[in-house]
C-alpha cells in the first residue's frame, strides 16, 4: 500500500511540479507578543514586518515531511483597519504577497515572521503590498541580499502590473 502512495506522490509531482507546503501559521499569543517586542521590525506605509528567531525550528523540521526548516507566519489586522470584510481582505492580500515572496525569492528559514496590516493596505493592490514586503524583507535580512538594481526593477514591474 505504501508503494502505491509513493507512486501517486511521484506522479503528482511530475504533473504539478514540486510539492510545496502551505504556510505554517503562528497561533500562540505569546509568540506574537515576543515578535512585537523584538528588535527586528520595520514599519512601511501598508505593513509592519516583525522577525524573531524560532527556538522550535528544529522540532518543526523533524515533523516536516520534507525535513527542512520552515518559517512560522502570523498575519494580523486589528479593528482599526475596518470591519470583518476589510480585515479578511487585508489578511488575504498579505498571505498571497508572502507566498509570492517565498516562491520568487530565497527566504531564510527557521524564523517567526509577523506581518501586521495598516490602514493604507485597504486601497492597495497585491503587487504594491508585495513590493513593500520585499523591500522590508531585504532590509531586515529575511531575504538574501540581491543587487539593489534587481530589487528596484522587480518592484517597478510589480507596481506597473
N, C-alpha and C. Protein backbone atom coordinates (compact mmCIF):
# COMPACT_ATOMS: atom_id res chain seq x y z
N UNK A 1 0.82 -1.20 0.00
CA UNK A 1 0.00 0.00 0.00
C UNK A 1 0.86 1.26 0.00
N UNK A 2 1.96 1.23 0.78
CA UNK A 2 2.82 2.40 0.85
C UNK A 2 3.48 2.70 -0.48
N UNK A 3 3.82 1.65 -1.23
CA UNK A 3 4.43 1.86 -2.54
C UNK A 3 3.47 2.57 -3.49
N UNK A 4 2.20 2.23 -3.38
CA UNK A 4 1.19 2.87 -4.23
C UNK A 4 1.12 4.36 -3.89
N UNK A 5 1.13 4.68 -2.60
CA UNK A 5 1.06 6.08 -2.19
C UNK A 5 2.28 6.84 -2.68
N UNK A 6 3.48 6.23 -2.55
CA UNK A 6 4.68 6.89 -3.05
C UNK A 6 4.60 7.11 -4.55
N UNK A 7 4.11 6.11 -5.28
CA UNK A 7 3.98 6.25 -6.73
C UNK A 7 3.02 7.38 -7.07
N UNK A 8 1.92 7.48 -6.31
CA UNK A 8 0.96 8.56 -6.57
C UNK A 8 1.61 9.93 -6.33
N UNK A 9 2.41 10.05 -5.24
CA UNK A 9 3.08 11.32 -4.96
C UNK A 9 4.07 11.67 -6.06
N UNK A 10 4.81 10.66 -6.55
CA UNK A 10 5.77 10.92 -7.63
C UNK A 10 5.02 11.33 -8.90
N UNK A 11 3.90 10.66 -9.19
CA UNK A 11 3.10 11.00 -10.36
C UNK A 11 2.55 12.42 -10.23
N UNK A 12 2.06 12.75 -9.03
CA UNK A 12 1.52 14.09 -8.79
C UNK A 12 2.61 15.14 -8.94
N UNK A 13 3.82 14.83 -8.46
CA UNK A 13 4.91 15.78 -8.56
C UNK A 13 5.31 15.99 -10.01
N UNK A 14 5.25 14.93 -10.83
CA UNK A 14 5.56 15.07 -12.25
C UNK A 14 4.55 15.98 -12.94
N UNK A 15 3.28 15.85 -12.56
CA UNK A 15 2.23 16.65 -13.20
C UNK A 15 2.22 18.11 -12.72
N UNK A 16 2.34 18.29 -11.42
CA UNK A 16 2.14 19.62 -10.83
C UNK A 16 3.43 20.34 -10.48
N UNK A 17 4.56 19.72 -10.65
CA UNK A 17 5.82 20.32 -10.20
C UNK A 17 6.09 19.89 -8.78
N UNK A 18 7.11 20.46 -8.13
CA UNK A 18 7.44 20.04 -6.77
C UNK A 18 6.30 20.34 -5.81
N UNK A 19 6.09 19.43 -4.87
CA UNK A 19 5.03 19.60 -3.89
C UNK A 19 5.49 20.64 -2.87
N UNK A 20 4.68 21.66 -2.66
CA UNK A 20 5.04 22.72 -1.71
C UNK A 20 4.13 22.64 -0.50
N UNK A 21 4.67 23.04 0.62
CA UNK A 21 3.90 23.05 1.86
C UNK A 21 3.11 24.35 1.94
N UNK A 22 1.99 24.31 2.63
CA UNK A 22 1.27 25.55 2.86
C UNK A 22 1.98 26.35 3.94
N UNK A 23 1.63 27.59 4.07
CA UNK A 23 2.27 28.45 5.06
C UNK A 23 1.95 27.92 6.45
N UNK A 24 2.97 27.72 7.26
CA UNK A 24 2.82 27.22 8.62
C UNK A 24 2.44 28.41 9.50
N UNK A 25 1.20 28.46 9.95
CA UNK A 25 0.72 29.65 10.63
C UNK A 25 1.09 29.67 12.10
N UNK A 26 1.16 30.86 12.62
CA UNK A 26 1.51 31.11 14.01
C UNK A 26 0.21 31.31 14.77
N UNK A 27 0.00 30.58 15.86
CA UNK A 27 -1.27 30.65 16.57
C UNK A 27 -1.14 31.12 18.02
N UNK A 28 0.05 30.97 18.62
CA UNK A 28 0.20 31.27 20.04
C UNK A 28 0.38 32.76 20.28
N UNK A 29 -0.41 33.30 21.21
CA UNK A 29 -0.39 34.72 21.51
C UNK A 29 0.98 35.16 22.06
N UNK A 30 1.62 34.32 22.88
CA UNK A 30 2.89 34.71 23.48
C UNK A 30 3.98 34.89 22.43
N UNK A 31 3.88 34.16 21.30
CA UNK A 31 4.86 34.33 20.23
C UNK A 31 4.63 35.63 19.47
N UNK A 32 3.37 36.01 19.30
CA UNK A 32 3.08 37.31 18.70
C UNK A 32 3.67 38.42 19.57
N UNK A 33 3.47 38.32 20.88
CA UNK A 33 3.97 39.34 21.80
C UNK A 33 5.50 39.42 21.77
N UNK A 34 6.17 38.25 21.72
CA UNK A 34 7.63 38.25 21.64
C UNK A 34 8.10 38.90 20.35
N UNK A 35 7.40 38.63 19.24
CA UNK A 35 7.77 39.23 17.96
C UNK A 35 7.57 40.74 17.99
N UNK A 36 6.46 41.18 18.60
CA UNK A 36 6.20 42.62 18.69
C UNK A 36 7.28 43.34 19.51
N UNK A 37 7.82 42.66 20.51
CA UNK A 37 8.83 43.26 21.38
C UNK A 37 10.25 43.04 20.87
N UNK A 38 10.41 42.35 19.75
CA UNK A 38 11.75 42.07 19.24
C UNK A 38 12.36 43.33 18.61
N UNK A 39 13.67 43.28 18.40
CA UNK A 39 14.38 44.42 17.83
C UNK A 39 14.22 44.52 16.33
N UNK A 40 13.95 43.39 15.68
CA UNK A 40 13.86 43.39 14.22
C UNK A 40 12.44 43.70 13.79
N UNK A 41 12.19 44.95 13.48
CA UNK A 41 10.88 45.34 12.97
C UNK A 41 11.07 46.50 12.01
N UNK A 42 10.19 46.57 11.01
CA UNK A 42 10.26 47.65 10.04
C UNK A 42 8.85 48.10 9.70
N UNK A 43 8.61 49.39 9.81
CA UNK A 43 7.29 49.97 9.54
C UNK A 43 7.30 50.55 8.14
N UNK A 44 6.35 50.15 7.34
CA UNK A 44 6.16 50.68 5.99
C UNK A 44 4.77 51.31 5.92
N UNK A 45 4.42 51.83 4.76
CA UNK A 45 3.14 52.52 4.59
C UNK A 45 1.95 51.56 4.76
N UNK A 46 2.07 50.34 4.21
CA UNK A 46 0.95 49.41 4.19
C UNK A 46 1.07 48.27 5.20
N UNK A 47 2.30 47.93 5.61
CA UNK A 47 2.52 46.80 6.51
C UNK A 47 3.57 47.14 7.56
N UNK A 48 3.59 46.33 8.61
CA UNK A 48 4.66 46.35 9.60
C UNK A 48 5.17 44.91 9.66
N UNK A 49 6.50 44.74 9.52
CA UNK A 49 7.10 43.41 9.48
C UNK A 49 7.94 43.20 10.73
N UNK A 50 7.66 42.12 11.47
CA UNK A 50 8.41 41.75 12.67
C UNK A 50 9.07 40.39 12.40
N UNK A 51 10.33 40.23 12.83
CA UNK A 51 11.04 38.96 12.65
C UNK A 51 11.68 38.56 13.97
N UNK A 52 11.58 37.27 14.29
CA UNK A 52 12.13 36.72 15.52
C UNK A 52 12.67 35.33 15.23
N UNK A 53 13.82 34.98 15.81
CA UNK A 53 14.37 33.64 15.63
C UNK A 53 13.46 32.63 16.34
N UNK A 54 13.20 31.51 15.68
CA UNK A 54 12.30 30.48 16.22
C UNK A 54 13.12 29.44 16.95
N UNK A 55 12.88 29.30 18.26
CA UNK A 55 13.63 28.34 19.06
C UNK A 55 13.17 26.90 18.80
N UNK A 56 11.98 26.73 18.27
CA UNK A 56 11.44 25.39 17.99
C UNK A 56 11.61 24.98 16.54
N UNK A 57 12.49 25.64 15.81
CA UNK A 57 12.66 25.35 14.38
C UNK A 57 13.11 23.91 14.14
N UNK A 58 13.97 23.38 15.02
CA UNK A 58 14.46 22.01 14.82
C UNK A 58 13.34 20.99 15.04
N UNK A 59 12.43 21.25 15.99
CA UNK A 59 11.30 20.34 16.20
C UNK A 59 10.36 20.35 15.00
N UNK A 60 10.12 21.52 14.45
CA UNK A 60 9.25 21.63 13.29
C UNK A 60 9.90 20.95 12.09
N UNK A 61 11.22 21.05 12.00
CA UNK A 61 11.95 20.40 10.90
C UNK A 61 11.76 18.89 10.96
N UNK A 62 11.79 18.32 12.16
CA UNK A 62 11.62 16.87 12.31
C UNK A 62 10.23 16.42 11.90
N UNK A 63 9.21 17.25 12.19
CA UNK A 63 7.82 16.90 11.86
C UNK A 63 7.49 17.11 10.39
N UNK A 64 8.26 17.97 9.74
CA UNK A 64 8.01 18.31 8.34
C UNK A 64 8.34 17.12 7.45
N UNK A 65 7.44 16.71 6.55
CA UNK A 65 7.73 15.58 5.66
C UNK A 65 8.90 15.84 4.72
N UNK A 66 9.17 17.10 4.41
CA UNK A 66 10.29 17.42 3.52
C UNK A 66 11.61 17.56 4.29
N UNK A 67 11.55 17.48 5.63
CA UNK A 67 12.72 17.57 6.51
C UNK A 67 13.54 18.83 6.29
N UNK A 68 12.86 19.95 6.19
CA UNK A 68 13.55 21.24 6.08
C UNK A 68 12.90 22.23 7.05
N UNK A 69 13.66 23.24 7.42
CA UNK A 69 13.14 24.26 8.33
C UNK A 69 12.06 25.07 7.64
N UNK A 70 11.12 25.54 8.43
CA UNK A 70 10.02 26.36 7.92
C UNK A 70 9.92 27.64 8.74
N UNK A 71 9.36 28.66 8.14
CA UNK A 71 9.02 29.88 8.86
C UNK A 71 7.60 29.75 9.38
N UNK A 72 7.38 30.22 10.59
CA UNK A 72 6.02 30.31 11.10
C UNK A 72 5.57 31.74 10.87
N UNK A 73 4.43 31.90 10.21
CA UNK A 73 3.98 33.22 9.78
C UNK A 73 2.68 33.57 10.50
N UNK A 74 2.64 34.77 11.07
CA UNK A 74 1.44 35.29 11.69
C UNK A 74 1.02 36.57 10.98
N UNK A 75 -0.25 36.67 10.65
CA UNK A 75 -0.76 37.84 9.94
C UNK A 75 -1.86 38.44 10.81
N UNK A 76 -1.73 39.74 11.08
CA UNK A 76 -2.72 40.39 11.94
C UNK A 76 -3.32 41.61 11.25
N UNK A 77 -4.58 41.83 11.55
CA UNK A 77 -5.28 43.04 11.09
C UNK A 77 -6.22 43.44 12.23
N UNK A 78 -5.96 44.57 12.84
CA UNK A 78 -6.75 44.98 14.00
C UNK A 78 -8.08 45.60 13.56
N UNK A 79 -8.91 45.89 14.53
CA UNK A 79 -10.20 46.50 14.23
C UNK A 79 -10.07 47.93 13.72
N UNK A 80 -8.89 48.52 13.89
CA UNK A 80 -8.64 49.86 13.35
C UNK A 80 -8.66 49.84 11.82
N UNK A 81 -8.39 48.68 11.23
CA UNK A 81 -8.38 48.53 9.77
C UNK A 81 -9.80 48.71 9.22
N UNK A 82 -10.77 48.14 9.90
CA UNK A 82 -12.14 48.22 9.42
C UNK A 82 -12.94 47.03 9.92
N UNK A 83 -14.04 46.76 9.24
CA UNK A 83 -14.90 45.65 9.61
C UNK A 83 -14.30 44.31 9.22
N UNK A 84 -15.06 43.26 9.42
CA UNK A 84 -14.58 41.90 9.16
C UNK A 84 -14.19 41.69 7.70
N UNK A 85 -14.95 42.27 6.79
CA UNK A 85 -14.66 42.10 5.37
C UNK A 85 -13.32 42.73 5.02
N UNK A 86 -13.08 43.94 5.52
CA UNK A 86 -11.82 44.63 5.23
C UNK A 86 -10.63 43.90 5.86
N UNK A 87 -10.80 43.42 7.09
CA UNK A 87 -9.72 42.69 7.76
C UNK A 87 -9.40 41.40 7.02
N UNK A 88 -10.42 40.70 6.58
CA UNK A 88 -10.20 39.44 5.85
C UNK A 88 -9.48 39.71 4.53
N UNK A 89 -9.89 40.75 3.82
CA UNK A 89 -9.21 41.09 2.56
C UNK A 89 -7.76 41.45 2.81
N UNK A 90 -7.50 42.22 3.86
CA UNK A 90 -6.12 42.61 4.18
C UNK A 90 -5.27 41.38 4.46
N UNK A 91 -5.78 40.44 5.24
CA UNK A 91 -5.02 39.22 5.55
C UNK A 91 -4.82 38.37 4.31
N UNK A 92 -5.83 38.31 3.46
CA UNK A 92 -5.72 37.53 2.22
C UNK A 92 -4.66 38.10 1.29
N UNK A 93 -4.62 39.42 1.16
CA UNK A 93 -3.63 40.08 0.30
C UNK A 93 -2.22 39.87 0.85
N UNK A 94 -2.06 40.01 2.16
CA UNK A 94 -0.74 39.80 2.77
C UNK A 94 -0.30 38.36 2.60
N UNK A 95 -1.21 37.42 2.82
CA UNK A 95 -0.88 36.00 2.68
C UNK A 95 -0.39 35.68 1.27
N UNK A 96 -1.07 36.22 0.28
CA UNK A 96 -0.66 35.97 -1.11
C UNK A 96 0.67 36.65 -1.42
N UNK A 97 0.89 37.84 -0.89
CA UNK A 97 2.18 38.53 -1.10
C UNK A 97 3.31 37.73 -0.48
N UNK A 98 3.08 37.14 0.70
CA UNK A 98 4.13 36.33 1.34
C UNK A 98 4.38 35.05 0.53
N UNK A 99 3.32 34.43 0.04
CA UNK A 99 3.50 33.23 -0.81
C UNK A 99 4.35 33.56 -2.03
N UNK A 100 4.06 34.69 -2.65
CA UNK A 100 4.82 35.11 -3.82
C UNK A 100 6.28 35.39 -3.45
N UNK A 101 6.50 35.98 -2.28
CA UNK A 101 7.86 36.24 -1.82
C UNK A 101 8.63 34.93 -1.65
N UNK A 102 7.99 33.92 -1.04
CA UNK A 102 8.66 32.63 -0.87
C UNK A 102 8.91 31.93 -2.20
N UNK A 103 8.00 32.10 -3.15
CA UNK A 103 8.16 31.47 -4.47
C UNK A 103 9.28 32.10 -5.26
N UNK A 104 9.38 33.43 -5.25
CA UNK A 104 10.28 34.14 -6.15
C UNK A 104 11.63 34.48 -5.53
N UNK A 105 11.73 34.49 -4.22
CA UNK A 105 12.97 34.88 -3.55
C UNK A 105 13.47 33.74 -2.68
N UNK A 106 14.74 33.85 -2.26
CA UNK A 106 15.31 32.89 -1.32
C UNK A 106 15.11 33.45 0.08
N UNK A 107 14.15 32.88 0.80
CA UNK A 107 13.79 33.36 2.13
C UNK A 107 14.51 32.52 3.18
N UNK A 108 15.11 33.18 4.18
CA UNK A 108 15.75 32.45 5.27
C UNK A 108 14.68 31.70 6.05
N UNK A 109 15.04 30.51 6.52
CA UNK A 109 14.08 29.65 7.23
C UNK A 109 14.41 29.57 8.71
N UNK A 110 13.46 29.07 9.49
CA UNK A 110 13.65 28.92 10.93
C UNK A 110 13.35 30.18 11.70
N UNK A 111 12.44 31.01 11.19
CA UNK A 111 12.11 32.28 11.83
C UNK A 111 10.62 32.37 12.12
N UNK A 112 10.28 33.26 13.04
CA UNK A 112 8.89 33.64 13.25
C UNK A 112 8.71 34.98 12.56
N UNK A 113 7.77 35.04 11.63
CA UNK A 113 7.51 36.25 10.86
C UNK A 113 6.08 36.70 11.16
N UNK A 114 5.95 37.94 11.64
CA UNK A 114 4.63 38.51 11.90
C UNK A 114 4.47 39.72 11.00
N UNK A 115 3.37 39.75 10.26
CA UNK A 115 3.08 40.86 9.36
C UNK A 115 1.76 41.48 9.81
N UNK A 116 1.82 42.75 10.16
CA UNK A 116 0.63 43.47 10.60
C UNK A 116 0.17 44.41 9.50
N UNK A 117 -1.13 44.41 9.25
CA UNK A 117 -1.70 45.28 8.22
C UNK A 117 -1.90 46.68 8.77
N UNK A 118 -1.75 47.67 7.89
CA UNK A 118 -2.04 49.05 8.24
C UNK A 118 -3.19 49.55 7.37
N UNK A 119 -3.77 50.67 7.74
CA UNK A 119 -4.99 51.15 7.07
C UNK A 119 -4.79 51.41 5.59
N UNK A 120 -3.60 51.83 5.17
CA UNK A 120 -3.34 52.15 3.76
C UNK A 120 -3.42 50.91 2.87
N UNK A 121 -3.37 49.72 3.47
CA UNK A 121 -3.42 48.48 2.69
C UNK A 121 -4.78 48.28 2.02
N UNK A 122 -5.84 48.85 2.60
CA UNK A 122 -7.18 48.63 2.07
C UNK A 122 -7.36 49.13 0.64
N UNK A 123 -6.68 50.20 0.29
CA UNK A 123 -6.82 50.75 -1.06
C UNK A 123 -5.66 50.33 -1.96
N UNK A 124 -4.92 49.30 -1.57
CA UNK A 124 -3.73 48.87 -2.32
C UNK A 124 -3.97 47.57 -3.05
N UNK A 125 -3.21 47.39 -4.10
CA UNK A 125 -3.22 46.13 -4.84
C UNK A 125 -2.17 45.20 -4.25
N UNK A 126 -2.27 43.91 -4.57
CA UNK A 126 -1.34 42.93 -4.04
C UNK A 126 0.09 43.20 -4.48
N UNK A 127 0.28 43.70 -5.70
CA UNK A 127 1.62 43.99 -6.20
C UNK A 127 2.31 45.08 -5.40
N UNK A 128 1.55 46.07 -4.96
CA UNK A 128 2.12 47.13 -4.13
C UNK A 128 2.52 46.60 -2.75
N UNK A 129 1.68 45.72 -2.20
CA UNK A 129 2.00 45.11 -0.91
C UNK A 129 3.22 44.21 -1.05
N UNK A 130 3.30 43.47 -2.16
CA UNK A 130 4.46 42.61 -2.40
C UNK A 130 5.74 43.43 -2.48
N UNK A 131 5.70 44.57 -3.17
CA UNK A 131 6.88 45.43 -3.30
C UNK A 131 7.34 45.92 -1.92
N UNK A 132 6.40 46.31 -1.06
CA UNK A 132 6.77 46.75 0.29
C UNK A 132 7.30 45.60 1.13
N UNK A 133 6.67 44.44 1.00
CA UNK A 133 7.12 43.27 1.76
C UNK A 133 8.52 42.86 1.33
N UNK A 134 8.79 42.91 0.04
CA UNK A 134 10.13 42.59 -0.48
C UNK A 134 11.16 43.58 0.05
N UNK A 135 10.84 44.85 0.00
CA UNK A 135 11.76 45.88 0.48
C UNK A 135 12.04 45.72 1.98
N UNK A 136 10.99 45.49 2.76
CA UNK A 136 11.16 45.31 4.20
C UNK A 136 11.95 44.04 4.51
N UNK A 137 11.71 42.96 3.76
CA UNK A 137 12.41 41.70 3.99
C UNK A 137 13.89 41.82 3.69
N UNK A 138 14.24 42.56 2.66
CA UNK A 138 15.65 42.76 2.33
C UNK A 138 16.33 43.57 3.43
N UNK A 139 15.66 44.62 3.89
CA UNK A 139 16.26 45.47 4.93
C UNK A 139 16.43 44.74 6.26
N UNK A 140 15.52 43.82 6.57
CA UNK A 140 15.62 43.07 7.83
C UNK A 140 16.43 41.79 7.70
N UNK A 141 16.82 41.43 6.48
CA UNK A 141 17.63 40.23 6.29
C UNK A 141 16.83 38.95 6.17
N UNK A 142 15.54 39.05 5.93
CA UNK A 142 14.72 37.85 5.73
C UNK A 142 14.99 37.24 4.37
N UNK A 143 15.22 38.08 3.38
CA UNK A 143 15.55 37.64 2.03
C UNK A 143 17.03 37.86 1.82
N UNK A 144 17.70 36.85 1.25
CA UNK A 144 19.13 37.02 1.00
C UNK A 144 19.33 38.17 0.02
N UNK A 145 20.36 38.96 0.27
CA UNK A 145 20.58 40.19 -0.49
C UNK A 145 20.85 39.91 -1.96
N UNK A 146 20.17 40.66 -2.79
CA UNK A 146 20.43 40.69 -4.22
C UNK A 146 21.00 42.06 -4.51
N UNK A 147 21.37 42.27 -5.74
CA UNK A 147 21.81 43.62 -6.08
C UNK A 147 20.59 44.54 -6.04
N UNK A 148 20.79 45.76 -5.61
CA UNK A 148 19.69 46.71 -5.47
C UNK A 148 19.00 46.97 -6.80
N UNK A 149 19.74 46.88 -7.91
CA UNK A 149 19.13 47.12 -9.22
C UNK A 149 18.06 46.07 -9.52
N UNK A 150 18.32 44.79 -9.15
CA UNK A 150 17.34 43.74 -9.40
C UNK A 150 16.08 43.96 -8.58
N UNK A 151 16.25 44.37 -7.32
CA UNK A 151 15.10 44.59 -6.45
C UNK A 151 14.27 45.76 -6.95
N UNK A 152 14.93 46.83 -7.37
CA UNK A 152 14.22 48.01 -7.87
C UNK A 152 13.43 47.66 -9.12
N UNK A 153 14.04 46.91 -10.05
CA UNK A 153 13.31 46.55 -11.27
C UNK A 153 12.15 45.63 -10.96
N UNK A 154 12.31 44.70 -10.00
CA UNK A 154 11.19 43.83 -9.64
C UNK A 154 10.06 44.63 -9.03
N UNK A 155 10.38 45.59 -8.18
CA UNK A 155 9.37 46.42 -7.54
C UNK A 155 8.64 47.27 -8.58
N UNK A 156 9.39 47.82 -9.55
CA UNK A 156 8.77 48.62 -10.59
C UNK A 156 7.86 47.78 -11.46
N UNK A 157 8.29 46.56 -11.78
CA UNK A 157 7.46 45.67 -12.59
C UNK A 157 6.17 45.34 -11.88
N UNK A 158 6.26 45.05 -10.56
CA UNK A 158 5.07 44.66 -9.82
C UNK A 158 4.09 45.82 -9.66
N UNK A 159 4.59 47.05 -9.55
CA UNK A 159 3.67 48.18 -9.42
C UNK A 159 3.08 48.57 -10.77
N UNK A 160 3.76 48.26 -11.87
CA UNK A 160 3.20 48.56 -13.20
C UNK A 160 2.04 47.63 -13.55
N UNK A 161 2.07 46.40 -13.04
CA UNK A 161 1.03 45.41 -13.40
C UNK A 161 -0.28 45.72 -12.84
